[in-house]
Amino acid sequence: MDSKDLNLFELAAHFSDEDKAREFLEAQRWPEGPICPHCGELNNAYRLQPKPSAKNTHVRKGVWKCAGCREQFTVTVGTIFADSHIPLSKWLLAFHLLCSSKKGMSAHQLHRMLKVTYRSAWFMAHRIRYAMTQEPLSSKLTGVIEVDETYVGGKLRVGPYRAKPYMRTRGRKPNYPSVTSNKAAVVSVLQRGGKVQSRHVERVTAENLKPIVNQMIAEDAHVMTDSSTVLKGALTARKHDQVNHVAKEYVRYEDGVCITTNTIEGYFSILKRGINGVYHHVGKQHLHRYLSEFDFRYNARKVNDGERTLQALKATGGKRLMLRDSKVQ
């Protein structure tokens, strides 16, 4: 099937049974023939035909046997689908729904649409986000780079911001809680016209940001930030321009170069609308997975939903996420 025809209607019509879904996944993972996950041999395996026997051997469909190492395998071995009892047809639908929804899709919505339990839908979504995780950059970002930070989380719910009477002491200022004290900090590095990568950091300090900047941004890049002194201290010798948002400055031109952080602010608007409007709450221990999801969709924004889904499916190999791991990582 052409990626242009890969939409929800076509998926529901053609992949309503396991055989068609398995054939589709095999074609995506093994375009040149089956690859043994045990020894790595290409196109040196044969399909075992299901047949009943006294020991119920080879009754299951989709089993291959490697002619080299003599091991058996299926298309889901060594992928995020491994050991899943959820039908592959529902997995394909879940992939398409998450890849085509600009602001994401909640586990409750997947639970209702796919007729699986909420626990299964939650774990499916986390496995898909794990597949969307970007590999480390093969080379540093060059050209015009926008760097900014934002804070993810709800409003402070532990009373008014005004200090209480007993908190006032002689000679000291009232102990006002910070508006970001209950929020998670996210730092994003965006190449204008290119890709974005986001990281969750405990605190936005120059010491925490320097390793991120040195890993992602080339020394000859032109970096643009807001008037934050923390970001300025993390950029060291790189060419750097700032826009002063405090003075209501958002765009200016110098020597024909547009100095602004509006591009990365636009990305933050998608991220926050997704977390606030779709997911409502994201635990700090899971935030990096949600950032992978939003980064992936943004980086594949120039292709259609079908091609974006295929990109995510092709990235499922070599990744395994256990339920116990997803709760602590």
C-alpha atoms as a PDB file:
ATOM      1  CA  MET A   1       0.000   0.000   0.000  1.00  0.00           C
ATOM      2  CA  ASP A   2       1.259   3.488  -0.889  1.00  0.00           C
ATOM      3  CA  SER A   3       1.998   5.739   2.071  1.00  0.00           C
ATOM      4  CA  LYS A   4      -0.357   8.342   0.569  1.00  0.00           C
ATOM      5  CA  ASP A   5      -3.208   5.837   0.947  1.00  0.00           C
ATOM      6  CA  LEU A   6      -2.259   4.987   4.529  1.00  0.00           C
ATOM      7  CA  ASN A   7      -5.055   6.697   6.426  1.00  0.00           C
ATOM      8  CA  LEU A   8      -7.395   5.598   9.188  1.00  0.00           C
ATOM      9  CA  PHE A   9     -10.111   4.472   6.755  1.00  0.00           C
ATOM     10  CA  GLU A  10      -7.709   2.331   4.724  1.00  0.00           C
ATOM     11  CA  LEU A  11      -6.157   0.839   7.858  1.00  0.00           C
ATOM     12  CA  ALA A  12      -9.550  -0.092   9.266  1.00  0.00           C
ATOM     13  CA  ALA A  13     -10.644  -1.605   5.939  1.00  0.00           C
ATOM     14  CA  HIS A  14      -7.509  -3.562   5.021  1.00  0.00           C
ATOM     15  CA  PHE A  15      -6.035  -4.479   8.387  1.00  0.00           C
ATOM     16  CA  SER A  16      -9.095  -5.744  10.196  1.00  0.00           C
ATOM     17  CA  ASP A  17      -7.468  -9.172  10.640  1.00  0.00           C
ATOM     18  CA  GLU A  18      -4.089 -10.319  11.911  1.00  0.00           C
ATOM     19  CA  ASP A  19      -2.862 -11.891   8.667  1.00  0.00           C
ATOM     20  CA  LYS A  20      -3.015  -8.662   6.675  1.00  0.00           C
ATOM     21  CA  ALA A  21      -1.538  -6.631   9.533  1.00  0.00           C
ATOM     22  CA  ARG A  22       1.351  -9.106   9.884  1.00  0.00           C
ATOM     23  CA  GLU A  23       2.042  -9.088   6.137  1.00  0.00           C
ATOM     24  CA  PHE A  24       2.102  -5.300   6.140  1.00  0.00           C
ATOM     25  CA  LEU A  25       4.524  -5.145   9.083  1.00  0.00           C
ATOM     26  CA  GLU A  26       6.778  -7.765   7.451  1.00  0.00           C
ATOM     27  CA  ALA A  27       6.910  -5.691   4.271  1.00  0.00           C
ATOM     28  CA  GLN A  28       7.896  -2.608   6.248  1.00  0.00           C
ATOM     29  CA  ARG A  29      10.531  -4.258   8.453  1.00  0.00           C
ATOM     30  CA  TRP A  30      11.930  -6.642   5.819  1.00  0.00           C
ATOM     31  CA  PRO A  31      11.701  -4.939   2.391  1.00  0.00           C
ATOM     32  CA  GLU A  32      14.556  -7.154   1.089  1.00  0.00           C
ATOM     33  CA  GLY A  33      13.487 -10.370   2.787  1.00  0.00           C
ATOM     34  CA  PRO A  34      13.306 -11.718   6.347  1.00  0.00           C
ATOM     35  CA  ILE A  35      16.196 -10.946   8.694  1.00  0.00           C
ATOM     36  CA  CYS A  36      16.939 -13.381  11.500  1.00  0.00           C
ATOM     37  CA  PRO A  37      17.052 -11.455  14.821  1.00  0.00           C
ATOM     38  CA  HIS A  38      19.269 -14.166  16.327  1.00  0.00           C
ATOM     39  CA  CYS A  39      22.163 -14.381  13.832  1.00  0.00           C
ATOM     40  CA  GLY A  40      21.407 -11.438  11.516  1.00  0.00           C
ATOM     41  CA  GLU A  41      21.309 -13.419   8.243  1.00  0.00           C
ATOM     42  CA  LEU A  42      19.325 -11.800   5.445  1.00  0.00           C
ATOM     43  CA  ASN A  43      16.825 -13.694   3.331  1.00  0.00           C
ATOM     44  CA  ASN A  44      17.943 -17.093   4.578  1.00  0.00           C
ATOM     45  CA  ALA A  45      14.764 -18.133   6.363  1.00  0.00           C
ATOM     46  CA  TYR A  46      11.582 -19.935   5.392  1.00  0.00           C
ATOM     47  CA  ARG A  47       8.065 -19.650   6.689  1.00  0.00           C
ATOM     48  CA  LEU A  48       6.673 -22.491   8.783  1.00  0.00           C
ATOM     49  CA  GLN A  49       3.217 -23.488   7.650  1.00  0.00           C
ATOM     50  CA  PRO A  50       0.730 -23.860  10.516  1.00  0.00           C
ATOM     51  CA  LYS A  51      -0.484 -27.445  10.932  1.00  0.00           C
ATOM     52  CA  PRO A  52      -2.085 -29.234  13.869  1.00  0.00           C
ATOM     53  CA  SER A  53      -0.218 -32.032  15.559  1.00  0.00           C
ATOM     54  CA  ALA A  54      -0.183 -33.988  18.781  1.00  0.00           C
ATOM     55  CA  LYS A  55       2.008 -31.368  20.450  1.00  0.00           C
ATOM     56  CA  ASN A  56       0.366 -28.397  18.704  1.00  0.00           C
ATOM     57  CA  THR A  57       3.671 -27.629  16.994  1.00  0.00           C
ATOM     58  CA  HIS A  58       3.754 -24.764  14.470  1.00  0.00           C
ATOM     59  CA  VAL A  59       0.049 -24.047  14.852  1.00  0.00           C
ATOM     60  CA  ARG A  60       0.723 -20.339  15.297  1.00  0.00           C
ATOM     61  CA  LYS A  61       0.850 -18.235  12.134  1.00  0.00           C
ATOM     62  CA  GLY A  62       3.690 -15.941  11.145  1.00  0.00           C
ATOM     63  CA  VAL A  63       6.557 -18.118  12.419  1.00  0.00           C
ATOM     64  CA  TRP A  64       9.809 -18.202  10.426  1.00  0.00           C
ATOM     65  CA  LYS A  65      12.823 -20.509  10.801  1.00  0.00           C
ATOM     66  CA  CYS A  66      16.365 -19.436  10.012  1.00  0.00           C
ATOM     67  CA  ALA A  67      18.247 -21.897   7.766  1.00  0.00           C
ATOM     68  CA  GLY A  68      21.524 -20.747   9.303  1.00  0.00           C
ATOM     69  CA  CYS A  69      21.129 -20.854  13.088  1.00  0.00           C
ATOM     70  CA  ARG A  70      17.909 -22.966  13.029  1.00  0.00           C
ATOM     71  CA  GLU A  71      16.153 -20.561  15.401  1.00  0.00           C
ATOM     72  CA  GLN A  72      12.499 -19.614  15.054  1.00  0.00           C
ATOM     73  CA  PHE A  73      11.264 -16.029  15.046  1.00  0.00           C
ATOM     74  CA  THR A  74       8.405 -13.759  14.032  1.00  0.00           C
ATOM     75  CA  VAL A  75       8.268 -10.188  12.749  1.00  0.00           C
ATOM     76  CA  THR A  76       7.664  -8.886  16.271  1.00  0.00           C
ATOM     77  CA  VAL A  77      10.819 -10.375  17.845  1.00  0.00           C
ATOM     78  CA  GLY A  78      13.226  -7.649  18.914  1.00  0.00           C
ATOM     79  CA  THR A  79      10.674  -4.852  18.549  1.00  0.00           C
ATOM     80  CA  ILE A  80       8.347  -2.944  20.841  1.00  0.00           C
ATOM     81  CA  PHE A  81       5.618  -5.427  19.837  1.00  0.00           C
ATOM     82  CA  ALA A  82       7.449  -8.362  21.438  1.00  0.00           C
ATOM     83  CA  ASP A  83       5.384 -10.480  23.878  1.00  0.00           C
ATOM     84  CA  SER A  84       2.324  -8.283  23.341  1.00  0.00           C
ATOM     85  CA  HIS A  85      -1.058 -10.006  23.375  1.00  0.00           C
ATOM     86  CA  ILE A  86      -2.708  -7.032  21.682  1.00  0.00           C
ATOM     87  CA  PRO A  87      -3.543  -7.750  18.004  1.00  0.00           C
ATOM     88  CA  LEU A  88      -1.169  -6.196  15.467  1.00  0.00           C
ATOM     89  CA  SER A  89      -4.125  -4.580  13.719  1.00  0.00           C
ATOM     90  CA  LYS A  90      -4.795  -2.518  16.860  1.00  0.00           C
ATOM     91  CA  TRP A  91      -1.117  -1.662  17.154  1.00  0.00           C
ATOM     92  CA  LEU A  92      -1.121  -0.277  13.597  1.00  0.00           C
ATOM     93  CA  LEU A  93      -4.200   1.816  14.319  1.00  0.00           C
ATOM     94  CA  ALA A  94      -2.610   3.153  17.519  1.00  0.00           C
ATOM     95  CA  PHE A  95       0.546   4.128  15.607  1.00  0.00           C
ATOM     96  CA  HIS A  96      -1.466   6.005  13.025  1.00  0.00           C
ATOM     97  CA  LEU A  97      -3.605   7.778  15.620  1.00  0.00           C
ATOM     98  CA  LEU A  98      -0.588   9.045  17.574  1.00  0.00           C
ATOM     99  CA  CYS A  99       1.333  10.023  14.440  1.00  0.00           C
ATOM    100  CA  SER A 100      -1.558  11.885  12.830  1.00  0.00           C
ATOM    101  CA  SER A 101      -2.860  13.727  15.910  1.00  0.00           C
ATOM    102  CA  LYS A 102      -0.930  16.991  16.017  1.00  0.00           C
ATOM    103  CA  LYS A 103      -1.311  17.415  19.765  1.00  0.00           C
ATOM    104  CA  GLY A 104      -1.282  13.741  20.705  1.00  0.00           C
ATOM    105  CA  MET A 105      -3.966  11.329  21.853  1.00  0.00           C
ATOM    106  CA  SER A 106      -4.668  10.350  25.426  1.00  0.00           C
ATOM    107  CA  ALA A 107      -4.597   6.773  26.683  1.00  0.00           C
ATOM    108  CA  HIS A 108      -8.280   7.089  27.594  1.00  0.00           C
ATOM    109  CA  GLN A 109      -9.081   7.939  23.970  1.00  0.00           C
ATOM    110  CA  LEU A 110      -7.080   4.945  22.721  1.00  0.00           C
ATOM    111  CA  HIS A 111      -8.797   2.787  25.340  1.00  0.00           C
ATOM    112  CA  ARG A 112     -12.235   3.803  24.010  1.00  0.00           C
ATOM    113  CA  MET A 113     -11.392   3.636  20.295  1.00  0.00           C
ATOM    114  CA  LEU A 114      -9.402   0.384  20.253  1.00  0.00           C
ATOM    115  CA  LYS A 115     -11.460  -1.512  22.854  1.00  0.00           C
ATOM    116  CA  VAL A 116      -8.489  -2.345  25.069  1.00  0.00           C
ATOM    117  CA  THR A 117      -8.102  -1.744  28.776  1.00  0.00           C
ATOM    118  CA  TYR A 118      -6.826   1.622  29.950  1.00  0.00           C
ATOM    119  CA  ARG A 119      -3.699  -0.034  31.369  1.00  0.00           C
ATOM    120  CA  SER A 120      -2.973  -1.619  27.970  1.00  0.00           C
ATOM    121  CA  ALA A 121      -3.648   1.646  26.116  1.00  0.00           C
ATOM    122  CA  TRP A 122      -1.331   3.569  28.455  1.00  0.00           C
ATOM    123  CA  PHE A 123       1.478   1.055  27.931  1.00  0.00           C
ATOM    124  CA  MET A 124       0.901   0.956  24.167  1.00  0.00           C
ATOM    125  CA  ALA A 125       1.251   4.743  23.992  1.00  0.00           C
ATOM    126  CA  HIS A 126       4.499   4.646  25.966  1.00  0.00           C
ATOM    127  CA  ARG A 127       5.920   1.927  23.728  1.00  0.00           C
ATOM    128  CA  ILE A 128       5.049   3.994  20.651  1.00  0.00           C
ATOM    129  CA  ARG A 129       6.703   7.069  22.190  1.00  0.00           C
ATOM    130  CA  TYR A 130       9.780   4.960  22.873  1.00  0.00           C
ATOM    131  CA  ALA A 131       9.852   4.009  19.181  1.00  0.00           C
ATOM    132  CA  MET A 132       9.668   7.715  18.316  1.00  0.00           C
ATOM    133  CA  THR A 133      12.808   8.459  20.334  1.00  0.00           C
ATOM    134  CA  GLN A 134      15.376  10.195  18.160  1.00  0.00           C
ATOM    135  CA  GLU A 135      18.843   8.773  17.786  1.00  0.00           C
ATOM    136  CA  PRO A 136      21.751  10.993  18.882  1.00  0.00           C
ATOM    137  CA  LEU A 137      22.677  13.556  16.269  1.00  0.00           C
ATOM    138  CA  SER A 138      25.299  12.257  13.831  1.00  0.00           C
ATOM    139  CA  SER A 139      26.541  15.833  13.427  1.00  0.00           C
ATOM    140  CA  LYS A 140      25.988  19.064  15.297  1.00  0.00           C
ATOM    141  CA  LEU A 141      23.301  21.508  14.205  1.00  0.00           C
ATOM    142  CA  THR A 142      24.539  24.382  12.053  1.00  0.00           C
ATOM    143  CA  GLY A 143      23.072  27.541  10.581  1.00  0.00           C
ATOM    144  CA  VAL A 144      20.557  29.560  12.568  1.00  0.00           C
ATOM    145  CA  ILE A 145      19.701  27.863  15.880  1.00  0.00           C
ATOM    146  CA  GLU A 146      17.013  28.951  18.322  1.00  0.00           C
ATOM    147  CA  VAL A 147      17.351  27.909  21.963  1.00  0.00           C
ATOM    148  CA  ASP A 148      14.784  28.521  24.670  1.00  0.00           C
ATOM    149  CA  GLU A 149      13.315  27.012  27.803  1.00  0.00           C
ATOM    150  CA  THR A 150       9.757  26.562  28.970  1.00  0.00           C
ATOM    151  CA  TYR A 151       8.018  25.135  32.001  1.00  0.00           C
ATOM    152  CA  VAL A 152       5.441  22.366  31.886  1.00  0.00           C
ATOM    153  CA  GLY A 153       2.884  21.851  34.616  1.00  0.00           C
ATOM    154  CA  GLY A 154      -0.286  23.211  36.153  1.00  0.00           C
ATOM    155  CA  LYS A 155      -0.904  26.143  38.424  1.00  0.00           C
ATOM    156  CA  LEU A 156       0.308  26.082  42.003  1.00  0.00           C
ATOM    157  CA  ARG A 157      -2.487  24.638  44.147  1.00  0.00           C
ATOM    158  CA  VAL A 158      -1.152  25.049  47.671  1.00  0.00           C
ATOM    159  CA  GLY A 159      -2.895  28.232  48.667  1.00  0.00           C
ATOM    160  CA  PRO A 160      -2.581  31.834  47.518  1.00  0.00           C
ATOM    161  CA  TYR A 161       0.683  33.315  46.363  1.00  0.00           C
ATOM    162  CA  ARG A 162       0.398  35.919  49.074  1.00  0.00           C
ATOM    163  CA  ALA A 163       2.560  35.130  52.081  1.00  0.00           C
ATOM    164  CA  LYS A 164       0.727  34.089  55.226  1.00  0.00           C
ATOM    165  CA  PRO A 165       1.038  36.266  58.369  1.00  0.00           C
ATOM    166  CA  TYR A 166       3.089  33.684  60.267  1.00  0.00           C
ATOM    167  CA  MET A 167       5.589  33.572  57.387  1.00  0.00           C
ATOM    168  CA  ARG A 168       6.591  37.193  57.999  1.00  0.00           C
ATOM    169  CA  THR A 169       9.629  37.716  60.180  1.00  0.00           C
ATOM    170  CA  ARG A 170      11.325  40.912  61.224  1.00  0.00           C
ATOM    171  CA  GLY A 171      13.856  42.109  58.680  1.00  0.00           C
ATOM    172  CA  ARG A 172      12.950  39.433  56.114  1.00  0.00           C
ATOM    173  CA  LYS A 173      10.793  39.492  53.031  1.00  0.00           C
ATOM    174  CA  PRO A 174       7.663  37.301  52.826  1.00  0.00           C
ATOM    175  CA  ASN A 175       8.343  33.779  51.634  1.00  0.00           C
ATOM    176  CA  TYR A 176       6.602  33.874  48.255  1.00  0.00           C
ATOM    177  CA  PRO A 177       6.625  30.491  46.447  1.00  0.00           C
ATOM    178  CA  SER A 178       8.004  30.584  42.922  1.00  0.00           C
ATOM    179  CA  VAL A 179       5.467  30.290  40.088  1.00  0.00           C
ATOM    180  CA  THR A 180       7.648  27.536  38.577  1.00  0.00           C
ATOM    181  CA  SER A 181       8.248  25.612  41.808  1.00  0.00           C
ATOM    182  CA  ASN A 182       5.866  22.810  40.786  1.00  0.00           C
ATOM    183  CA  LYS A 183       6.720  22.804  37.059  1.00  0.00           C
ATOM    184  CA  ALA A 184       9.190  20.791  34.989  1.00  0.00           C
ATOM    185  CA  ALA A 185      11.789  22.667  32.940  1.00  0.00           C
ATOM    186  CA  VAL A 186      12.175  21.816  29.237  1.00  0.00           C
ATOM    187  CA  VAL A 187      15.008  23.112  27.065  1.00  0.00           C
ATOM    188  CA  SER A 188      14.693  22.842  23.279  1.00  0.00           C
ATOM    189  CA  VAL A 189      17.259  23.370  20.533  1.00  0.00           C
ATOM    190  CA  LEU A 190      15.720  24.085  17.123  1.00  0.00           C
ATOM    191  CA  GLN A 191      17.435  24.468  13.784  1.00  0.00           C
ATOM    192  CA  ARG A 192      15.468  27.004  11.783  1.00  0.00           C
ATOM    193  CA  GLY A 193      13.825  25.123   8.928  1.00  0.00           C
ATOM    194  CA  GLY A 194      15.104  21.839  10.369  1.00  0.00           C
ATOM    195  CA  LYS A 195      14.732  19.630  13.408  1.00  0.00           C
ATOM    196  CA  VAL A 196      14.157  20.158  17.101  1.00  0.00           C
ATOM    197  CA  GLN A 197      15.415  18.225  20.109  1.00  0.00           C
ATOM    198  CA  SER A 198      14.053  18.741  23.610  1.00  0.00           C
ATOM    199  CA  ARG A 199      15.426  17.770  27.000  1.00  0.00           C
ATOM    200  CA  HIS A 200      13.975  17.781  30.489  1.00  0.00           C
ATOM    201  CA  VAL A 201      16.387  19.351  32.987  1.00  0.00           C
ATOM    202  CA  GLU A 202      16.026  19.624  36.744  1.00  0.00           C
ATOM    203  CA  ARG A 203      17.110  23.255  36.803  1.00  0.00           C
ATOM    204  CA  VAL A 204      17.797  25.775  34.057  1.00  0.00           C
ATOM    205  CA  THR A 205      21.351  26.769  34.879  1.00  0.00           C
ATOM    206  CA  ALA A 206      24.361  27.493  32.701  1.00  0.00           C
ATOM    207  CA  GLU A 207      26.108  24.455  34.172  1.00  0.00           C
ATOM    208  CA  ASN A 208      23.225  22.143  33.149  1.00  0.00           C
ATOM    209  CA  LEU A 209      22.818  23.684  29.689  1.00  0.00           C
ATOM    210  CA  LYS A 210      26.474  23.747  28.614  1.00  0.00           C
ATOM    211  CA  PRO A 211      26.671  19.963  27.923  1.00  0.00           C
ATOM    212  CA  ILE A 212      23.456  20.145  25.860  1.00  0.00           C
ATOM    213  CA  VAL A 213      24.733  23.104  23.849  1.00  0.00           C
ATOM    214  CA  ASN A 214      28.165  21.539  23.254  1.00  0.00           C
ATOM    215  CA  GLN A 215      26.602  18.235  22.168  1.00  0.00           C
ATOM    216  CA  MET A 216      24.004  19.653  19.775  1.00  0.00           C
ATOM    217  CA  ILE A 217      25.210  23.010  18.413  1.00  0.00           C
ATOM    218  CA  ALA A 218      28.221  23.544  16.150  1.00  0.00           C
ATOM    219  CA  GLU A 219      30.770  26.181  17.120  1.00  0.00           C
ATOM    220  CA  ASP A 220      30.114  28.218  13.948  1.00  0.00           C
ATOM    221  CA  ALA A 221      26.318  28.292  14.395  1.00  0.00           C
ATOM    222  CA  HIS A 222      24.365  31.517  14.843  1.00  0.00           C
ATOM    223  CA  VAL A 223      22.378  31.097  18.057  1.00  0.00           C
ATOM    224  CA  MET A 224      19.317  33.168  18.936  1.00  0.00           C
ATOM    225  CA  THR A 225      17.739  33.344  22.376  1.00  0.00           C
ATOM    226  CA  ASP A 226      15.630  35.664  24.462  1.00  0.00           C
ATOM    227  CA  SER A 227      17.211  37.971  27.046  1.00  0.00           C
ATOM    228  CA  SER A 228      17.926  35.134  29.495  1.00  0.00           C
ATOM    229  CA  THR A 229      21.351  35.509  31.098  1.00  0.00           C
ATOM    230  CA  VAL A 230      21.453  31.756  31.805  1.00  0.00           C
ATOM    231  CA  LEU A 231      21.334  30.879  28.115  1.00  0.00           C
ATOM    232  CA  LYS A 232      23.920  33.536  27.346  1.00  0.00           C
ATOM    233  CA  GLY A 233      26.317  31.983  29.857  1.00  0.00           C
ATOM    234  CA  ALA A 234      25.904  28.507  28.334  1.00  0.00           C
ATOM    235  CA  LEU A 235      26.737  29.483  24.737  1.00  0.00           C
ATOM    236  CA  THR A 236      30.408  30.437  25.366  1.00  0.00           C
ATOM    237  CA  ALA A 237      32.107  31.635  22.146  1.00  0.00           C
ATOM    238  CA  ARG A 238      29.280  30.995  19.665  1.00  0.00           C
ATOM    239  CA  LYS A 239      27.783  33.865  17.690  1.00  0.00           C
ATOM    240  CA  HIS A 240      24.791  34.970  19.716  1.00  0.00           C
ATOM    241  CA  ASP A 241      21.919  37.423  19.307  1.00  0.00           C
ATOM    242  CA  GLN A 242      19.072  38.123  21.707  1.00  0.00           C
ATOM    243  CA  VAL A 243      15.573  39.570  21.536  1.00  0.00           C
ATOM    244  CA  ASN A 244      14.289  41.426  24.554  1.00  0.00           C
ATOM    245  CA  HIS A 245      10.806  40.112  25.288  1.00  0.00           C
ATOM    246  CA  VAL A 246      10.601  42.256  28.417  1.00  0.00           C
ATOM    247  CA  ALA A 247      10.749  45.354  26.214  1.00  0.00           C
ATOM    248  CA  LYS A 248       8.112  43.830  23.861  1.00  0.00           C
ATOM    249  CA  GLU A 249      10.744  43.120  21.211  1.00  0.00           C
ATOM    250  CA  TYR A 250      10.019  39.910  19.301  1.00  0.00           C
ATOM    251  CA  VAL A 251      11.552  40.385  15.837  1.00  0.00           C
ATOM    252  CA  ARG A 252      14.281  42.573  14.414  1.00  0.00           C
ATOM    253  CA  TYR A 253      16.509  42.472  11.340  1.00  0.00           C
ATOM    254  CA  GLU A 254      20.262  42.987  11.284  1.00  0.00           C
ATOM    255  CA  ASP A 255      22.223  42.679   8.029  1.00  0.00           C
ATOM    256  CA  GLY A 256      19.325  40.840   6.432  1.00  0.00           C
ATOM    257  CA  VAL A 257      19.117  38.239   9.230  1.00  0.00           C
ATOM    258  CA  CYS A 258      15.842  37.796  11.091  1.00  0.00           C
ATOM    259  CA  ILE A 259      16.604  37.723  14.808  1.00  0.00           C
ATOM    260  CA  THR A 260      13.720  36.096  16.628  1.00  0.00           C
ATOM    261  CA  THR A 261      12.728  33.077  18.711  1.00  0.00           C
ATOM    262  CA  ASN A 262       9.225  32.876  17.268  1.00  0.00           C
ATOM    263  CA  THR A 263       9.906  29.508  15.624  1.00  0.00           C
ATOM    264  CA  ILE A 264      10.736  27.755  18.862  1.00  0.00           C
ATOM    265  CA  GLU A 265       7.915  29.598  20.633  1.00  0.00           C
ATOM    266  CA  GLY A 266       5.578  28.108  18.023  1.00  0.00           C
ATOM    267  CA  TYR A 267       6.879  24.643  18.884  1.00  0.00           C
ATOM    268  CA  PHE A 268       6.314  25.318  22.586  1.00  0.00           C
ATOM    269  CA  SER A 269       2.725  26.335  21.827  1.00  0.00           C
ATOM    270  CA  ILE A 270       2.056  22.906  20.270  1.00  0.00           C
ATOM    271  CA  LEU A 271       3.780  21.149  23.173  1.00  0.00           C
ATOM    272  CA  LYS A 272       1.840  23.013  25.851  1.00  0.00           C
ATOM    273  CA  ARG A 273      -1.510  22.741  24.107  1.00  0.00           C
ATOM    274  CA  GLY A 274      -0.966  19.012  23.819  1.00  0.00           C
ATOM    275  CA  ILE A 275       0.056  18.487  27.429  1.00  0.00           C
ATOM    276  CA  ASN A 276      -2.523  20.879  28.901  1.00  0.00           C
ATOM    277  CA  GLY A 277      -5.423  20.087  26.564  1.00  0.00           C
ATOM    278  CA  VAL A 278      -4.934  16.374  25.775  1.00  0.00           C
ATOM    279  CA  TYR A 279      -2.809  14.763  28.474  1.00  0.00           C
ATOM    280  CA  HIS A 280      -3.659  17.264  31.269  1.00  0.00           C
ATOM    281  CA  HIS A 281      -0.912  15.961  33.536  1.00  0.00           C
ATOM    282  CA  VAL A 282       2.503  14.462  32.813  1.00  0.00           C
ATOM    283  CA  GLY A 283       4.724  13.079  35.556  1.00  0.00           C
ATOM    284  CA  LYS A 284       8.327  14.246  35.524  1.00  0.00           C
ATOM    285  CA  GLN A 285       9.542  10.643  35.270  1.00  0.00           C
ATOM    286  CA  HIS A 286       7.624  10.248  31.976  1.00  0.00           C
ATOM    287  CA  LEU A 287       8.167  13.721  30.499  1.00  0.00           C
ATOM    288  CA  HIS A 288      11.093  12.637  28.291  1.00  0.00           C
ATOM    289  CA  ARG A 289       8.823  10.170  26.468  1.00  0.00           C
ATOM    290  CA  TYR A 290       6.234  12.848  25.717  1.00  0.00           C
ATOM    291  CA  LEU A 291       8.990  15.164  24.486  1.00  0.00           C
ATOM    292  CA  SER A 292      10.106  12.389  22.104  1.00  0.00           C
ATOM    293  CA  GLU A 293       6.557  12.186  20.756  1.00  0.00           C
ATOM    294  CA  PHE A 294       6.210  15.932  20.106  1.00  0.00           C
ATOM    295  CA  ASP A 295       9.743  16.185  18.689  1.00  0.00           C
ATOM    296  CA  PHE A 296       9.066  13.309  16.292  1.00  0.00           C
ATOM    297  CA  ARG A 297       5.839  14.795  14.939  1.00  0.00           C
ATOM    298  CA  TYR A 298       7.396  18.238  14.546  1.00  0.00           C
ATOM    299  CA  ASN A 299      10.461  16.872  12.752  1.00  0.00           C
ATOM    300  CA  ALA A 300       8.205  14.923  10.361  1.00  0.00           C
ATOM    301  CA  ARG A 301       5.844  17.861   9.805  1.00  0.00           C
ATOM    302  CA  LYS A 302       6.650  18.134   6.085  1.00  0.00           C
ATOM    303  CA  VAL A 303       5.343  14.652   5.222  1.00  0.00           C
ATOM    304  CA  ASN A 304       1.786  13.346   5.277  1.00  0.00           C
ATOM    305  CA  ASP A 305       0.271  11.234   8.042  1.00  0.00           C
ATOM    306  CA  GLY A 306       0.907   7.966   6.213  1.00  0.00           C
ATOM    307  CA  GLU A 307       4.614   8.624   5.678  1.00  0.00           C
ATOM    308  CA  ARG A 308       4.966   9.766   9.288  1.00  0.00           C
ATOM    309  CA  THR A 309       3.359   6.516  10.476  1.00  0.00           C
ATOM    310  CA  LEU A 310       5.728   4.455   8.319  1.00  0.00           C
ATOM    311  CA  GLN A 311       8.712   6.323   9.742  1.00  0.00           C
ATOM    312  CA  ALA A 312       7.590   5.421  13.259  1.00  0.00           C
ATOM    313  CA  LEU A 313       6.949   1.768  12.335  1.00  0.00           C
ATOM    314  CA  LYS A 314      10.411   1.430  10.783  1.00  0.00           C
ATOM    315  CA  ALA A 315      11.945   2.658  14.045  1.00  0.00           C
ATOM    316  CA  THR A 316      10.408  -0.121  16.168  1.00  0.00           C
ATOM    317  CA  GLY A 317      13.291  -2.561  15.699  1.00  0.00           C
ATOM    318  CA  GLY A 318      15.893  -3.031  18.401  1.00  0.00           C
ATOM    319  CA  LYS A 319      13.759  -1.393  21.066  1.00  0.00           C
ATOM    320  CA  ARG A 320      12.153  -3.085  24.026  1.00  0.00           C
ATOM    321  CA  LEU A 321      10.237  -1.454  26.857  1.00  0.00           C
ATOM    322  CA  MET A 322       8.920  -3.427  29.827  1.00  0.00           C
ATOM    323  CA  LEU A 323       6.011  -2.211  31.932  1.00  0.00           C
ATOM    324  CA  ARG A 324       8.138  -2.129  35.081  1.00  0.00           C
ATOM    325  CA  ASP A 325      10.731  -0.023  33.257  1.00  0.00           C
ATOM    326  CA  SER A 326       8.178   2.467  31.910  1.00  0.00           C
ATOM    327  CA  LYS A 327       7.048   3.260  35.462  1.00  0.00           C
ATOM    328  CA  VAL A 328      10.468   4.224  36.726  1.00  0.00           C
ATOM    329  CA  GLN A 329      12.293   5.682  33.704  1.00  0.00           C
END
